[in-house]
């Protein structure tokens, strides 16, 4: 399974970016998918995840109301729309996928077997 993330960049605080992640090599409908981020000197943290059917979403508290995760199973793609960006959102963002992850474990990065290469998001004040 290969994941390819894109869409990162540099924006000013209050701006928006949309990250995309294409997933290849396995039936996408069977995979749980999510976004994680890692800031310099910090551990990788959960940002958002979406159920396989695209109905249920879960977010890090600090991004609720600003970020929206979505997926298009027909295009085997995952997205993260990020609005009202803040300097503290600066990080490398990773998309991830995995099979057989129960809902209570979706926020734990170690439960995801497949990872994209990461895309840098820089938010300046």
N, C-alpha and C. Protein backbone atom coordinates (compact mmCIF):
# COMPACT_ATOMS: atom_id res chain seq x y z
N UNK A 1 0.85 -1.18 0.00
CA UNK A 1 0.00 0.00 0.00
C UNK A 1 0.89 1.24 0.00
N UNK A 2 0.58 2.18 -0.86
CA UNK A 2 1.33 3.43 -0.92
C UNK A 2 0.38 4.61 -0.75
N UNK A 3 0.83 5.58 0.02
CA UNK A 3 0.06 6.79 0.23
C UNK A 3 0.90 7.98 -0.25
N UNK A 4 0.27 8.87 -0.96
CA UNK A 4 0.97 10.03 -1.48
C UNK A 4 0.21 11.29 -1.08
N UNK A 5 0.83 12.08 -0.21
CA UNK A 5 0.20 13.29 0.29
C UNK A 5 0.68 14.50 -0.49
N UNK A 6 -0.19 15.50 -0.59
CA UNK A 6 0.16 16.75 -1.26
C UNK A 6 -0.69 17.87 -0.70
N UNK A 7 -0.32 19.11 -1.03
CA UNK A 7 -1.14 20.24 -0.66
C UNK A 7 -0.59 21.13 0.43
N UNK A 8 0.53 20.76 1.02
CA UNK A 8 1.11 21.60 2.05
C UNK A 8 1.65 22.90 1.46
N UNK A 9 2.04 23.80 2.34
CA UNK A 9 2.60 25.06 1.90
C UNK A 9 2.69 26.04 3.04
N UNK A 10 2.95 27.30 2.70
CA UNK A 10 3.08 28.37 3.69
C UNK A 10 1.93 29.34 3.54
N UNK A 11 1.30 29.64 4.67
CA UNK A 11 0.19 30.60 4.66
C UNK A 11 0.30 31.48 5.89
N UNK A 12 -0.40 32.58 5.85
CA UNK A 12 -0.49 33.44 7.02
C UNK A 12 -1.62 32.96 7.93
N UNK A 13 -1.53 33.34 9.18
CA UNK A 13 -2.58 32.98 10.13
C UNK A 13 -3.93 33.43 9.59
N UNK A 14 -4.92 32.55 9.73
CA UNK A 14 -6.25 32.83 9.21
C UNK A 14 -6.49 32.28 7.82
N UNK A 15 -5.43 31.83 7.18
CA UNK A 15 -5.55 31.29 5.84
C UNK A 15 -6.03 29.85 5.81
N UNK A 16 -6.09 29.31 4.61
CA UNK A 16 -6.61 27.95 4.41
C UNK A 16 -5.69 27.15 3.52
N UNK A 17 -5.71 25.85 3.72
CA UNK A 17 -5.01 24.90 2.86
C UNK A 17 -5.84 23.63 2.79
N UNK A 18 -5.70 22.91 1.70
CA UNK A 18 -6.38 21.62 1.55
C UNK A 18 -5.34 20.56 1.24
N UNK A 19 -5.24 19.60 2.11
CA UNK A 19 -4.34 18.48 1.90
C UNK A 19 -5.07 17.34 1.23
N UNK A 20 -4.35 16.65 0.36
CA UNK A 20 -4.91 15.48 -0.32
C UNK A 20 -3.99 14.30 -0.11
N UNK A 21 -4.56 13.12 -0.15
CA UNK A 21 -3.78 11.89 0.02
C UNK A 21 -4.38 10.82 -0.88
N UNK A 22 -3.60 10.34 -1.82
CA UNK A 22 -4.04 9.26 -2.71
C UNK A 22 -3.50 7.94 -2.16
N UNK A 23 -4.34 6.93 -2.15
CA UNK A 23 -3.98 5.63 -1.61
C UNK A 23 -4.00 4.59 -2.72
N UNK A 24 -2.91 3.85 -2.84
CA UNK A 24 -2.78 2.85 -3.90
C UNK A 24 -2.46 1.49 -3.31
N UNK A 25 -2.98 0.45 -3.95
CA UNK A 25 -2.49 -0.88 -3.65
C UNK A 25 -3.36 -1.76 -2.79
N UNK A 26 -4.46 -1.24 -2.30
CA UNK A 26 -5.33 -2.08 -1.48
C UNK A 26 -6.74 -1.51 -1.58
N UNK A 27 -7.72 -2.35 -1.33
CA UNK A 27 -9.10 -1.88 -1.41
C UNK A 27 -9.32 -0.78 -0.39
N UNK A 28 -9.50 0.42 -0.90
CA UNK A 28 -9.58 1.60 -0.05
C UNK A 28 -10.75 1.52 0.92
N UNK A 29 -11.85 0.94 0.46
CA UNK A 29 -13.05 0.88 1.30
C UNK A 29 -12.82 0.10 2.60
N UNK A 30 -11.82 -0.75 2.62
CA UNK A 30 -11.56 -1.58 3.80
C UNK A 30 -10.58 -0.94 4.78
N UNK A 31 -10.10 0.24 4.45
CA UNK A 31 -9.07 0.88 5.25
C UNK A 31 -9.61 2.04 6.08
N UNK A 32 -9.24 2.06 7.35
CA UNK A 32 -9.44 3.26 8.15
C UNK A 32 -8.37 4.27 7.72
N UNK A 33 -8.72 5.54 7.73
CA UNK A 33 -7.78 6.56 7.28
C UNK A 33 -7.79 7.75 8.22
N UNK A 34 -6.67 8.42 8.29
CA UNK A 34 -6.60 9.57 9.17
C UNK A 34 -5.43 10.47 8.84
N UNK A 35 -5.42 11.60 9.52
CA UNK A 35 -4.34 12.58 9.40
C UNK A 35 -3.67 12.76 10.76
N UNK A 36 -2.36 12.84 10.73
CA UNK A 36 -1.57 13.09 11.91
C UNK A 36 -0.59 14.22 11.60
N UNK A 37 0.01 14.80 12.61
CA UNK A 37 1.00 15.84 12.38
C UNK A 37 2.11 15.74 13.42
N UNK A 38 3.24 16.28 13.02
CA UNK A 38 4.38 16.28 13.93
C UNK A 38 5.11 17.61 13.81
N UNK A 39 5.11 18.35 14.89
CA UNK A 39 5.82 19.62 14.94
C UNK A 39 7.26 19.37 15.41
N UNK A 40 8.16 20.28 15.12
CA UNK A 40 9.56 20.10 15.54
C UNK A 40 9.68 19.89 17.04
N UNK A 41 10.39 18.84 17.43
CA UNK A 41 10.60 18.56 18.83
C UNK A 41 9.43 17.95 19.57
N UNK A 42 8.38 17.62 18.83
CA UNK A 42 7.19 17.05 19.47
C UNK A 42 6.87 15.69 18.89
N UNK A 43 6.07 14.95 19.61
CA UNK A 43 5.65 13.64 19.12
C UNK A 43 4.55 13.80 18.06
N UNK A 44 4.42 12.78 17.27
CA UNK A 44 3.36 12.78 16.26
C UNK A 44 2.01 12.70 16.97
N UNK A 45 1.07 13.54 16.54
CA UNK A 45 -0.23 13.56 17.19
C UNK A 45 -1.36 13.39 16.18
N UNK A 46 -2.43 12.84 16.69
CA UNK A 46 -3.64 12.65 15.90
C UNK A 46 -4.26 14.01 15.56
N UNK A 47 -4.77 14.14 14.34
CA UNK A 47 -5.47 15.36 13.93
C UNK A 47 -6.93 15.05 13.61
N UNK A 48 -7.16 14.08 12.73
CA UNK A 48 -8.53 13.78 12.32
C UNK A 48 -8.58 12.40 11.69
N UNK A 49 -9.74 11.78 11.79
CA UNK A 49 -9.93 10.49 11.15
C UNK A 49 -11.37 10.38 10.69
N UNK A 50 -11.62 9.49 9.76
CA UNK A 50 -12.94 9.32 9.18
C UNK A 50 -13.20 7.83 8.99
N UNK A 51 -14.43 7.43 9.26
CA UNK A 51 -14.78 6.02 9.13
C UNK A 51 -14.70 5.57 7.67
N UNK A 52 -14.68 4.27 7.48
CA UNK A 52 -14.54 3.73 6.13
C UNK A 52 -15.67 4.15 5.22
N UNK A 53 -16.87 4.32 5.78
CA UNK A 53 -18.00 4.74 4.95
C UNK A 53 -18.11 6.25 4.83
N UNK A 54 -17.19 6.96 5.45
CA UNK A 54 -17.17 8.42 5.34
C UNK A 54 -18.21 9.14 6.17
N UNK A 55 -18.86 8.45 7.06
CA UNK A 55 -19.96 9.06 7.81
C UNK A 55 -19.48 9.65 9.14
N UNK A 56 -18.67 8.89 9.86
CA UNK A 56 -18.23 9.35 11.18
C UNK A 56 -16.85 9.99 11.10
N UNK A 57 -16.72 11.13 11.76
CA UNK A 57 -15.44 11.82 11.81
C UNK A 57 -15.05 12.13 13.25
N UNK A 58 -13.78 12.20 13.48
CA UNK A 58 -13.25 12.48 14.82
C UNK A 58 -12.09 13.47 14.68
N UNK A 59 -12.01 14.40 15.61
CA UNK A 59 -11.01 15.46 15.50
C UNK A 59 -10.27 15.70 16.81
N UNK A 60 -9.05 16.16 16.67
CA UNK A 60 -8.32 16.73 17.80
C UNK A 60 -9.11 17.95 18.27
N UNK A 61 -9.24 18.13 19.56
CA UNK A 61 -10.07 19.21 20.06
C UNK A 61 -9.66 20.58 19.51
N UNK A 62 -8.38 20.80 19.38
CA UNK A 62 -7.91 22.13 18.97
C UNK A 62 -8.19 22.45 17.51
N UNK A 63 -8.60 21.47 16.71
CA UNK A 63 -8.89 21.74 15.30
C UNK A 63 -10.38 21.65 14.98
N UNK A 64 -11.18 21.24 15.96
CA UNK A 64 -12.62 21.14 15.72
C UNK A 64 -13.18 22.49 15.30
N UNK A 65 -14.03 22.47 14.27
CA UNK A 65 -14.63 23.69 13.77
C UNK A 65 -13.77 24.41 12.75
N UNK A 66 -12.51 24.01 12.62
CA UNK A 66 -11.60 24.64 11.65
C UNK A 66 -11.18 23.66 10.56
N UNK A 67 -11.01 22.40 10.91
CA UNK A 67 -10.57 21.39 9.95
C UNK A 67 -11.73 20.46 9.61
N UNK A 68 -11.72 19.97 8.37
CA UNK A 68 -12.73 19.00 7.94
C UNK A 68 -12.04 17.88 7.19
N UNK A 69 -12.24 16.67 7.66
CA UNK A 69 -11.69 15.49 7.00
C UNK A 69 -12.77 14.86 6.13
N UNK A 70 -12.38 14.38 4.97
CA UNK A 70 -13.32 13.73 4.07
C UNK A 70 -12.58 12.69 3.24
N UNK A 71 -13.33 11.83 2.60
CA UNK A 71 -12.73 10.83 1.73
C UNK A 71 -13.65 10.55 0.55
N UNK A 72 -13.07 10.17 -0.54
CA UNK A 72 -13.81 9.75 -1.73
C UNK A 72 -13.37 8.34 -2.06
N UNK A 73 -14.19 7.36 -1.71
CA UNK A 73 -13.79 5.98 -1.93
C UNK A 73 -13.60 5.66 -3.40
N UNK A 74 -14.39 6.27 -4.27
CA UNK A 74 -14.27 6.02 -5.71
C UNK A 74 -12.92 6.48 -6.26
N UNK A 75 -12.35 7.48 -5.62
CA UNK A 75 -11.05 8.01 -6.04
C UNK A 75 -9.91 7.55 -5.13
N UNK A 76 -10.23 6.68 -4.19
CA UNK A 76 -9.25 6.19 -3.19
C UNK A 76 -8.42 7.34 -2.63
N UNK A 77 -9.13 8.37 -2.21
CA UNK A 77 -8.45 9.58 -1.73
C UNK A 77 -9.02 10.07 -0.42
N UNK A 78 -8.15 10.71 0.33
CA UNK A 78 -8.46 11.29 1.63
C UNK A 78 -8.09 12.77 1.58
N UNK A 79 -8.88 13.60 2.28
CA UNK A 79 -8.64 15.04 2.24
C UNK A 79 -8.69 15.63 3.64
N UNK A 80 -8.02 16.78 3.78
CA UNK A 80 -8.12 17.55 5.02
C UNK A 80 -8.20 19.03 4.63
N UNK A 81 -9.37 19.59 4.79
CA UNK A 81 -9.56 21.02 4.56
C UNK A 81 -9.25 21.74 5.86
N UNK A 82 -8.31 22.67 5.81
CA UNK A 82 -7.87 23.38 7.00
C UNK A 82 -8.15 24.86 6.82
N UNK A 83 -9.02 25.39 7.66
CA UNK A 83 -9.38 26.80 7.64
C UNK A 83 -8.94 27.48 8.93
N UNK A 84 -8.90 28.79 8.91
CA UNK A 84 -8.54 29.58 10.09
C UNK A 84 -7.26 29.04 10.73
N UNK A 85 -6.28 28.84 9.90
CA UNK A 85 -5.03 28.25 10.38
C UNK A 85 -4.33 29.16 11.38
N UNK A 86 -3.67 28.52 12.34
CA UNK A 86 -2.95 29.23 13.39
C UNK A 86 -1.48 28.83 13.36
N UNK A 87 -0.60 29.67 13.88
CA UNK A 87 0.83 29.31 13.90
C UNK A 87 1.08 27.95 14.59
N UNK A 88 0.28 27.62 15.57
CA UNK A 88 0.48 26.34 16.27
C UNK A 88 0.06 25.13 15.44
N UNK A 89 -0.52 25.37 14.27
CA UNK A 89 -0.82 24.27 13.34
C UNK A 89 0.39 23.90 12.49
N UNK A 90 1.45 24.67 12.60
CA UNK A 90 2.67 24.40 11.83
C UNK A 90 3.22 23.03 12.19
N UNK A 91 3.40 22.19 11.16
CA UNK A 91 3.88 20.82 11.38
C UNK A 91 4.01 20.13 10.04
N UNK A 92 4.61 18.96 10.07
CA UNK A 92 4.55 18.06 8.93
C UNK A 92 3.30 17.21 9.12
N UNK A 93 2.45 17.20 8.12
CA UNK A 93 1.20 16.45 8.18
C UNK A 93 1.34 15.15 7.40
N UNK A 94 0.87 14.07 8.02
CA UNK A 94 0.95 12.74 7.43
C UNK A 94 -0.45 12.15 7.28
N UNK A 95 -0.69 11.53 6.15
CA UNK A 95 -1.89 10.71 6.02
C UNK A 95 -1.51 9.27 6.37
N UNK A 96 -2.47 8.54 6.88
CA UNK A 96 -2.22 7.18 7.31
C UNK A 96 -3.43 6.31 7.03
N UNK A 97 -3.17 5.02 6.87
CA UNK A 97 -4.24 4.07 6.60
C UNK A 97 -3.91 2.75 7.30
N UNK A 98 -4.96 2.03 7.62
CA UNK A 98 -4.76 0.74 8.26
C UNK A 98 -6.03 -0.08 8.23
N UNK A 99 -5.87 -1.37 8.37
CA UNK A 99 -7.02 -2.28 8.35
C UNK A 99 -7.30 -2.78 9.77
N UNK A 100 -8.58 -3.00 10.04
CA UNK A 100 -8.96 -3.62 11.30
C UNK A 100 -8.77 -2.77 12.53
N UNK A 101 -8.79 -1.46 12.40
CA UNK A 101 -8.62 -0.57 13.55
C UNK A 101 -9.98 -0.27 14.15
N UNK A 102 -10.14 -0.58 15.41
CA UNK A 102 -11.42 -0.32 16.05
C UNK A 102 -11.53 1.17 16.39
N UNK A 103 -12.75 1.63 16.56
CA UNK A 103 -13.00 3.05 16.73
C UNK A 103 -12.18 3.65 17.87
N UNK A 104 -12.08 2.96 18.98
CA UNK A 104 -11.37 3.50 20.14
C UNK A 104 -9.87 3.61 19.91
N UNK A 105 -9.38 3.02 18.84
CA UNK A 105 -7.94 3.03 18.56
C UNK A 105 -7.56 3.92 17.39
N UNK A 106 -8.51 4.63 16.83
CA UNK A 106 -8.25 5.42 15.63
C UNK A 106 -7.32 6.59 15.90
N UNK A 107 -7.22 7.06 17.13
CA UNK A 107 -6.38 8.22 17.43
C UNK A 107 -4.92 7.85 17.70
N UNK A 108 -4.62 6.58 17.71
CA UNK A 108 -3.27 6.12 18.06
C UNK A 108 -2.48 5.84 16.79
N UNK A 109 -1.42 6.59 16.54
CA UNK A 109 -0.68 6.41 15.28
C UNK A 109 -0.07 5.01 15.12
N UNK A 110 0.27 4.35 16.21
CA UNK A 110 0.90 3.04 16.10
C UNK A 110 -0.02 1.99 15.52
N UNK A 111 -1.31 2.27 15.46
CA UNK A 111 -2.28 1.32 14.92
C UNK A 111 -2.42 1.40 13.40
N UNK A 112 -1.76 2.36 12.79
CA UNK A 112 -1.83 2.51 11.34
C UNK A 112 -0.59 1.89 10.71
N UNK A 113 -0.81 1.01 9.74
CA UNK A 113 0.31 0.29 9.12
C UNK A 113 0.94 1.05 7.95
N UNK A 114 0.17 1.94 7.35
CA UNK A 114 0.64 2.58 6.11
C UNK A 114 0.65 4.10 6.28
N UNK A 115 1.74 4.72 5.78
CA UNK A 115 1.92 6.16 5.97
C UNK A 115 2.38 6.83 4.69
N UNK A 116 1.89 8.04 4.49
CA UNK A 116 2.41 8.86 3.41
C UNK A 116 3.72 9.51 3.82
N UNK A 117 4.30 10.25 2.89
CA UNK A 117 5.64 10.80 3.10
C UNK A 117 5.63 12.07 3.92
N UNK A 118 4.47 12.66 4.15
CA UNK A 118 4.40 13.89 4.92
C UNK A 118 4.45 15.11 4.01
N UNK A 119 3.70 16.12 4.40
CA UNK A 119 3.71 17.38 3.67
C UNK A 119 3.76 18.51 4.70
N UNK A 120 4.63 19.48 4.47
CA UNK A 120 4.88 20.53 5.45
C UNK A 120 3.85 21.65 5.34
N UNK A 121 3.28 22.01 6.48
CA UNK A 121 2.39 23.15 6.58
C UNK A 121 3.03 24.16 7.53
N UNK A 122 3.22 25.38 7.02
CA UNK A 122 3.83 26.44 7.82
C UNK A 122 2.86 27.61 7.89
N UNK A 123 2.51 28.00 9.10
CA UNK A 123 1.58 29.11 9.30
C UNK A 123 2.31 30.22 10.03
N UNK A 124 2.39 31.36 9.40
CA UNK A 124 3.09 32.50 10.00
C UNK A 124 2.10 33.48 10.62
N UNK A 125 2.55 34.15 11.65
CA UNK A 125 1.66 35.09 12.36
C UNK A 125 1.71 36.47 11.75
